[in-house]
């Protein structure tokens, strides 16, 4: 009798836990679906070719986001060109070269702390250091360097965890064949963890696209159309900053929702790309 009561209570407890988990999953999925559908329904009808390929004209009243799109591309490319070598190089040093575990622990703790700092603080520091101390003024380059500091922990940690998944037997086999340290890393370790590097790169692009607080202080609000060289040294608004300006400063909520829909689609594409890349490299490993 006692065992029957215990088993009955256990079944009831498991049933309640399963119901709670299903309710949590349903609420999460419903919230995500609601946000995506709401933004797309409100924004997609206002997207047109003239909207995507034009620039703002205050005399005619036309609104275009081509300068904002180009500024976003410029800042993404500039940030990735700096953060990828730094992040991958730091991960290789910590995993393959660093022998002092205390130093490794301090660097990892510093990276985790950096990833948890609010972005508005990065913007303030970037404004004081890059814009004023280094005299870069308000520019896309200052914003890109600020984003480098923000995304460095992401690239470093994802690459480091991917490096740790490469079996040590591969390294020992390379050493046994007479390969040096760097040759072993370049020909054996890095090809085996390229999925982690690409995943970190994709995640960094997603964070750069969605960042606005740090860029408000460093990149500026301008909607001017520039080439990549002149654009990096000039003030410019990315898509997220333009969304803020149109919604908060100008009250153009239709334009803001159109930009939000574009950012939502880009975010979905980036996340799906990260999942797809991970599966592709996982299949290659199995083969």
Protein backbone atom coordinates (compact mmCIF):
# COMPACT_ATOMS: atom_id res chain seq x y z
CA UNK A 1 0.00 0.00 0.00
CA UNK A 2 2.79 2.38 0.98
CA UNK A 3 4.70 1.68 -2.25
CA UNK A 4 1.50 2.20 -4.27
CA UNK A 5 0.93 5.62 -2.71
CA UNK A 6 4.53 6.64 -3.38
CA UNK A 7 4.35 5.54 -7.02
CA UNK A 8 1.03 7.34 -7.45
CA UNK A 9 2.46 10.57 -5.99
CA UNK A 10 5.50 10.21 -8.23
CA UNK A 11 3.33 9.82 -11.32
CA UNK A 12 1.27 12.87 -10.34
CA UNK A 13 4.45 14.86 -9.73
CA UNK A 14 5.90 13.85 -13.12
CA UNK A 15 2.62 14.69 -14.84
CA UNK A 16 2.55 18.13 -13.23
CA UNK A 17 6.17 18.80 -14.18
CA UNK A 18 5.52 17.74 -17.79
CA UNK A 19 2.45 19.97 -17.94
CA UNK A 20 4.44 22.91 -16.52
CA UNK A 21 7.21 22.37 -19.07
CA UNK A 22 4.75 22.15 -21.96
CA UNK A 23 3.04 25.34 -20.77
CA UNK A 24 6.42 27.10 -20.58
CA UNK A 25 7.32 25.92 -24.09
CA UNK A 26 3.93 27.02 -25.45
CA UNK A 27 4.21 30.47 -23.83
CA UNK A 28 7.73 30.97 -25.17
CA UNK A 29 6.82 29.91 -28.70
CA UNK A 30 3.65 32.01 -28.64
CA UNK A 31 5.58 35.08 -27.50
CA UNK A 32 8.21 34.64 -30.23
CA UNK A 33 5.56 34.04 -32.90
CA UNK A 34 3.58 37.07 -31.74
CA UNK A 35 6.61 39.38 -31.88
CA UNK A 36 7.67 38.15 -35.30
CA UNK A 37 4.19 38.31 -36.83
CA UNK A 38 3.36 41.67 -35.26
CA UNK A 39 6.53 43.33 -36.56
CA UNK A 40 6.23 41.76 -40.01
CA UNK A 41 2.56 42.62 -40.40
CA UNK A 42 3.15 46.22 -39.34
CA UNK A 43 6.37 46.67 -41.32
CA UNK A 44 6.28 44.69 -44.57
CA UNK A 45 3.49 46.75 -46.25
CA UNK A 46 5.67 49.86 -46.01
CA UNK A 47 8.74 48.33 -47.66
CA UNK A 48 9.26 49.21 -51.31
CA UNK A 49 12.10 49.46 -53.76
CA UNK A 50 12.23 53.26 -53.48
CA UNK A 51 12.34 52.87 -49.71
CA UNK A 52 15.30 50.48 -49.89
CA UNK A 53 17.24 52.23 -52.67
CA UNK A 54 16.61 55.90 -51.87
CA UNK A 55 17.97 58.37 -49.38
CA UNK A 56 16.10 60.82 -47.16
CA UNK A 57 15.00 64.01 -48.85
CA UNK A 58 13.54 66.54 -46.47
CA UNK A 59 12.53 68.86 -49.33
CA UNK A 60 10.35 66.29 -51.11
CA UNK A 61 9.41 64.37 -47.97
CA UNK A 62 10.70 61.06 -49.34
CA UNK A 63 12.31 58.62 -46.92
CA UNK A 64 14.92 56.08 -47.99
CA UNK A 65 17.21 53.89 -45.94
CA UNK A 66 19.97 53.16 -48.45
CA UNK A 67 22.54 55.22 -46.43
CA UNK A 68 21.54 53.32 -43.29
CA UNK A 69 21.92 49.97 -45.04
CA UNK A 70 25.36 50.90 -46.36
CA UNK A 71 26.44 52.23 -42.96
CA UNK A 72 25.38 48.93 -41.41
CA UNK A 73 27.40 46.99 -43.99
CA UNK A 74 30.45 49.20 -43.46
CA UNK A 75 30.38 48.86 -39.69
CA UNK A 76 29.86 45.08 -39.86
CA UNK A 77 32.82 44.62 -42.22
CA UNK A 78 35.09 46.93 -40.22
CA UNK A 79 34.23 45.23 -36.92
CA UNK A 80 34.69 41.71 -38.30
CA UNK A 81 38.06 42.55 -39.88
CA UNK A 82 39.37 43.46 -36.44
CA UNK A 83 37.50 41.16 -34.07
CA UNK A 84 38.05 37.88 -35.94
CA UNK A 85 41.89 37.91 -35.90
CA UNK A 86 41.90 39.13 -32.28
CA UNK A 87 39.32 36.65 -31.05
CA UNK A 88 40.67 33.63 -32.90
CA UNK A 89 44.27 34.50 -31.99
CA UNK A 90 43.37 34.89 -28.31
CA UNK A 91 41.51 31.56 -28.34
CA UNK A 92 44.48 29.78 -29.96
CA UNK A 93 46.88 31.23 -27.40
CA UNK A 94 44.70 30.27 -24.42
CA UNK A 95 44.08 26.74 -25.69
CA UNK A 96 47.35 25.78 -27.36
CA UNK A 97 50.15 27.95 -25.93
CA UNK A 98 49.27 29.28 -22.48
CA UNK A 99 50.76 27.04 -19.80
CA UNK A 100 49.86 29.09 -16.73
CA UNK A 101 46.34 28.09 -15.72
CA UNK A 102 45.99 31.12 -13.46
CA UNK A 103 46.60 33.49 -16.37
CA UNK A 104 44.12 31.56 -18.51
CA UNK A 105 41.55 31.73 -15.72
CA UNK A 106 42.01 35.49 -15.33
CA UNK A 107 41.63 36.09 -19.09
CA UNK A 108 38.54 33.88 -19.29
CA UNK A 109 37.00 35.63 -16.29
CA UNK A 110 37.72 39.01 -17.90
CA UNK A 111 36.07 37.85 -21.14
CA UNK A 112 32.98 36.67 -19.28
CA UNK A 113 32.83 39.98 -17.43
CA UNK A 114 33.09 41.92 -20.69
CA UNK A 115 30.21 39.94 -22.19
CA UNK A 116 27.97 40.90 -19.27
CA UNK A 117 28.59 44.66 -19.29
CA UNK A 118 25.61 46.73 -20.57
CA UNK A 119 26.11 48.09 -24.05
CA UNK A 120 25.40 51.66 -22.97
CA UNK A 121 28.60 51.56 -20.90
CA UNK A 122 30.55 50.43 -23.97
CA UNK A 123 29.10 53.41 -25.82
CA UNK A 124 30.18 55.82 -23.11
CA UNK A 125 33.71 54.39 -22.97
CA UNK A 126 33.92 54.34 -26.77
CA UNK A 127 32.86 57.98 -26.95
CA UNK A 128 35.45 59.07 -24.37
CA UNK A 129 38.32 56.93 -25.69
CA UNK A 130 37.88 56.59 -29.46
CA UNK A 131 35.95 59.75 -30.28
CA UNK A 132 37.66 62.19 -27.90
CA UNK A 133 40.98 60.76 -26.70
CA UNK A 134 42.00 59.30 -30.10
CA UNK A 135 40.28 62.21 -31.90
CA UNK A 136 38.26 59.97 -34.22
CA UNK A 137 35.22 62.14 -33.52
CA UNK A 138 31.77 60.68 -34.08
CA UNK A 139 32.33 58.17 -36.88
CA UNK A 140 31.55 54.67 -38.04
CA UNK A 141 35.14 53.65 -37.33
CA UNK A 142 34.77 54.63 -33.67
CA UNK A 143 31.52 52.67 -33.53
CA UNK A 144 33.14 49.65 -35.18
CA UNK A 145 36.03 49.63 -32.70
CA UNK A 146 33.55 49.86 -29.84
CA UNK A 147 31.68 46.87 -31.27
CA UNK A 148 35.00 45.01 -31.53
CA UNK A 149 35.39 45.24 -27.76
CA UNK A 150 31.79 44.11 -27.28
CA UNK A 151 32.03 41.09 -29.57
CA UNK A 152 35.57 39.97 -28.71
CA UNK A 153 34.41 37.71 -25.83
CA UNK A 154 31.83 36.01 -28.08
CA UNK A 155 34.33 35.17 -30.83
CA UNK A 156 37.02 34.17 -28.35
CA UNK A 157 34.83 31.88 -26.25
CA UNK A 158 33.11 30.15 -29.18
CA UNK A 159 36.46 29.54 -30.87
CA UNK A 160 38.03 28.35 -27.63
CA UNK A 161 35.24 25.86 -26.95
CA UNK A 162 35.48 24.63 -30.54
CA UNK A 163 39.26 24.17 -30.21
CA UNK A 164 38.72 22.02 -27.13
CA UNK A 165 36.51 19.64 -29.12
CA UNK A 166 39.43 18.64 -31.39
CA UNK A 167 40.82 15.37 -29.91
CA UNK A 168 44.33 15.53 -28.48
CA UNK A 169 45.17 12.39 -30.45
CA UNK A 170 45.10 14.52 -33.63
CA UNK A 171 47.71 16.83 -32.15
CA UNK A 172 49.86 13.92 -30.99
CA UNK A 173 49.63 12.31 -34.42
CA UNK A 174 50.75 15.56 -36.08
CA UNK A 175 53.68 15.85 -33.67
CA UNK A 176 54.55 12.22 -34.33
CA UNK A 177 54.76 12.96 -38.05
CA UNK A 178 57.24 15.75 -37.38
CA UNK A 179 54.96 18.77 -37.62
CA UNK A 180 55.83 21.83 -35.59
CA UNK A 181 53.48 23.58 -33.18
CA UNK A 182 52.17 26.22 -35.57
CA UNK A 183 51.96 23.80 -38.49
CA UNK A 184 49.95 21.41 -36.34
CA UNK A 185 47.55 24.20 -35.36
CA UNK A 186 47.23 25.49 -38.91
CA UNK A 187 46.76 22.16 -40.69
CA UNK A 188 45.07 19.97 -38.06
CA UNK A 189 43.41 21.96 -35.28
CA UNK A 190 41.94 24.95 -37.12
CA UNK A 191 40.33 22.90 -39.94
CA UNK A 192 38.71 20.77 -37.26
CA UNK A 193 37.16 23.73 -35.45
CA UNK A 194 36.28 26.02 -38.34
CA UNK A 195 32.60 25.56 -37.52
CA UNK A 196 33.13 27.30 -34.17
CA UNK A 197 34.90 30.21 -35.83
CA UNK A 198 32.11 30.63 -38.38
CA UNK A 199 29.44 30.33 -35.68
CA UNK A 200 31.15 33.01 -33.60
CA UNK A 201 31.38 35.22 -36.69
CA UNK A 202 27.67 34.79 -37.45
CA UNK A 203 26.68 35.48 -33.85
CA UNK A 204 28.84 38.60 -33.87
CA UNK A 205 27.14 39.84 -37.03
CA UNK A 206 23.77 39.32 -35.35
CA UNK A 207 24.82 41.32 -32.32
CA UNK A 208 26.29 44.09 -34.46
CA UNK A 209 23.06 44.35 -36.45
CA UNK A 210 20.99 44.62 -33.30
CA UNK A 211 23.19 47.09 -31.42
CA UNK A 212 22.05 50.65 -31.00
CA UNK A 213 22.96 51.97 -27.54
CA UNK A 214 26.72 51.89 -28.09
CA UNK A 215 26.42 53.38 -31.58
CA UNK A 216 24.31 56.31 -30.42
CA UNK A 217 27.39 57.68 -28.63
CA UNK A 218 30.05 56.72 -31.17
CA UNK A 219 28.67 56.43 -34.72
CA UNK A 220 26.12 59.24 -34.79
CA UNK A 221 22.78 59.86 -36.48
CA UNK A 222 23.66 61.09 -40.00
CA UNK A 223 21.80 59.65 -43.01
CA UNK A 224 24.39 60.81 -45.55
CA UNK A 225 25.45 58.55 -48.41
CA UNK A 226 29.22 57.84 -48.53
CA UNK A 227 31.67 55.33 -49.95
CA UNK A 228 33.30 52.86 -47.61
CA UNK A 229 36.49 54.94 -47.10
CA UNK A 230 34.73 58.24 -46.49
CA UNK A 231 31.92 56.50 -44.67
CA UNK A 232 34.13 55.00 -41.97
CA UNK A 233 35.56 58.42 -41.12
CA UNK A 234 32.14 60.11 -41.14
CA UNK A 235 29.16 60.04 -38.86
CA UNK A 236 26.44 57.63 -39.91
CA UNK A 237 23.32 55.89 -38.64
CA UNK A 238 22.96 52.13 -38.86
CA UNK A 239 19.56 50.48 -39.26
CA UNK A 240 19.01 50.17 -35.52
CA UNK A 241 19.99 53.78 -34.87
CA UNK A 242 17.79 54.91 -37.77
CA UNK A 243 14.90 52.97 -36.24
CA UNK A 244 15.39 54.87 -32.98
CA UNK A 245 15.63 58.22 -34.73
CA UNK A 246 12.52 57.73 -36.86
CA UNK A 247 10.44 56.35 -33.98
CA UNK A 248 11.59 58.54 -31.08
CA UNK A 249 12.75 61.78 -32.65
CA UNK A 250 10.55 62.12 -35.76
CA UNK A 251 7.49 60.03 -34.90
CA UNK A 252 7.63 58.09 -38.19
CA UNK A 253 6.36 54.81 -36.78
CA UNK A 254 5.57 53.32 -40.20
CA UNK A 255 9.20 53.77 -41.23
CA UNK A 256 10.35 52.43 -37.87
CA UNK A 257 8.26 49.27 -38.27
CA UNK A 258 9.54 48.80 -41.82
CA UNK A 259 13.14 48.95 -40.56
CA UNK A 260 12.20 46.64 -37.68
CA UNK A 261 10.80 44.11 -40.17
CA UNK A 262 14.05 44.22 -42.17
CA UNK A 263 16.08 43.70 -39.00
CA UNK A 264 13.79 40.86 -37.93
CA UNK A 265 14.24 39.09 -41.26
CA UNK A 266 18.02 39.57 -41.10
CA UNK A 267 18.11 38.20 -37.55
CA UNK A 268 16.12 35.13 -38.56
CA UNK A 269 18.42 34.55 -41.54
CA UNK A 270 21.53 34.89 -39.36
CA UNK A 271 20.24 32.50 -36.70
CA UNK A 272 19.16 29.93 -39.29
CA UNK A 273 22.54 30.28 -41.00
CA UNK A 274 24.32 29.54 -37.73
CA UNK A 275 22.22 26.40 -37.23
CA UNK A 276 22.74 25.31 -40.84
CA UNK A 277 26.52 25.83 -40.70
CA UNK A 278 26.73 23.81 -37.50
CA UNK A 279 24.81 20.91 -39.05
CA UNK A 280 26.87 20.97 -42.25
CA UNK A 281 30.18 20.74 -40.42
CA UNK A 282 28.80 18.12 -38.06
CA UNK A 283 27.87 15.94 -41.05
CA UNK A 284 31.34 16.41 -42.53
CA UNK A 285 32.91 15.29 -39.28
CA UNK A 286 30.81 12.13 -39.25
CA UNK A 287 31.79 11.36 -42.82
